[in-house]
């Protein structure tokens, strides 16, 4: 395994935190839906948005790990 730069290590750590936060948000939304069933559709929409944002951020972080970040351009 090659040595990672400080930025790449940070990106890897941040990616892991984002994954953990996504799971926490998912569990929280399930609790909210159970408590307030009539918000099911709205929460499903929010979860789709969250998933999309999470996917985009993680893809960028993985690109950063490979040294191919679009943010560098």
Protein backbone atom coordinates (compact mmCIF):
# COMPACT_ATOMS: atom_id res chain seq x y z
CA UNK A 1 0.00 0.00 0.00
CA UNK A 2 1.42 3.35 -0.97
CA UNK A 3 1.79 6.15 1.52
CA UNK A 4 -1.16 8.51 1.50
CA UNK A 5 -0.81 12.26 1.68
CA UNK A 6 -2.29 14.14 4.61
CA UNK A 7 -5.16 15.30 2.37
CA UNK A 8 -5.85 11.75 1.25
CA UNK A 9 -5.90 10.50 4.84
CA UNK A 10 -8.28 13.32 5.72
CA UNK A 11 -10.51 12.42 2.76
CA UNK A 12 -10.59 8.77 3.82
CA UNK A 13 -11.51 9.71 7.39
CA UNK A 14 -14.15 12.16 6.22
CA UNK A 15 -15.65 9.56 3.89
CA UNK A 16 -15.94 7.14 6.80
CA UNK A 17 -17.65 9.78 8.95
CA UNK A 18 -20.08 10.57 6.13
CA UNK A 19 -21.00 6.90 5.83
CA UNK A 20 -21.57 6.67 9.58
CA UNK A 21 -23.66 9.85 9.56
CA UNK A 22 -25.75 8.55 6.66
CA UNK A 23 -26.60 5.45 8.67
CA UNK A 24 -27.50 7.56 11.70
CA UNK A 25 -29.76 9.82 9.60
CA UNK A 26 -31.43 6.76 8.08
CA UNK A 27 -32.20 5.34 11.54
CA UNK A 28 -33.45 8.71 12.76
CA UNK A 29 -35.81 9.05 9.79
CA UNK A 30 -37.18 5.55 10.46
CA UNK A 31 -37.96 6.60 14.04
CA UNK A 32 -39.67 9.79 12.84
CA UNK A 33 -41.78 7.85 10.30
CA UNK A 34 -42.81 5.41 13.02
CA UNK A 35 -43.83 8.31 15.27
CA UNK A 36 -45.51 10.43 12.58
CA UNK A 37 -46.71 8.08 9.80
CA UNK A 38 -48.38 10.80 7.72
CA UNK A 39 -44.94 12.29 6.99
CA UNK A 40 -43.81 9.09 5.26
CA UNK A 41 -43.77 10.57 1.72
CA UNK A 42 -41.98 13.76 2.74
CA UNK A 43 -39.35 11.84 4.67
CA UNK A 44 -38.85 9.43 1.77
CA UNK A 45 -38.14 12.49 -0.42
CA UNK A 46 -35.68 13.86 2.12
CA UNK A 47 -33.94 10.49 2.35
CA UNK A 48 -33.57 10.39 -1.44
CA UNK A 49 -32.02 13.87 -1.37
CA UNK A 50 -29.71 12.89 1.48
CA UNK A 51 -28.64 9.73 -0.35
CA UNK A 52 -27.88 11.71 -3.51
CA UNK A 53 -25.82 14.31 -1.64
CA UNK A 54 -24.01 11.61 0.35
CA UNK A 55 -23.21 9.69 -2.84
CA UNK A 56 -21.84 12.82 -4.54
CA UNK A 57 -19.65 13.76 -1.58
CA UNK A 58 -18.33 10.24 -1.17
CA UNK A 59 -17.53 9.96 -4.89
CA UNK A 60 -15.55 13.19 -4.68
CA UNK A 61 -13.71 12.01 -1.58
CA UNK A 62 -12.82 8.72 -3.26
CA UNK A 63 -11.55 10.68 -6.26
CA UNK A 64 -9.46 12.76 -3.86
CA UNK A 65 -8.00 9.56 -2.44
CA UNK A 66 -6.94 8.59 -5.95
CA UNK A 67 -5.62 12.10 -6.61
CA UNK A 68 -8.22 12.80 -9.29
CA UNK A 69 -10.47 15.33 -7.57
CA UNK A 70 -12.63 17.55 -9.76
CA UNK A 71 -12.23 20.26 -7.13
CA UNK A 72 -8.60 20.73 -8.17
CA UNK A 73 -9.62 22.07 -11.59
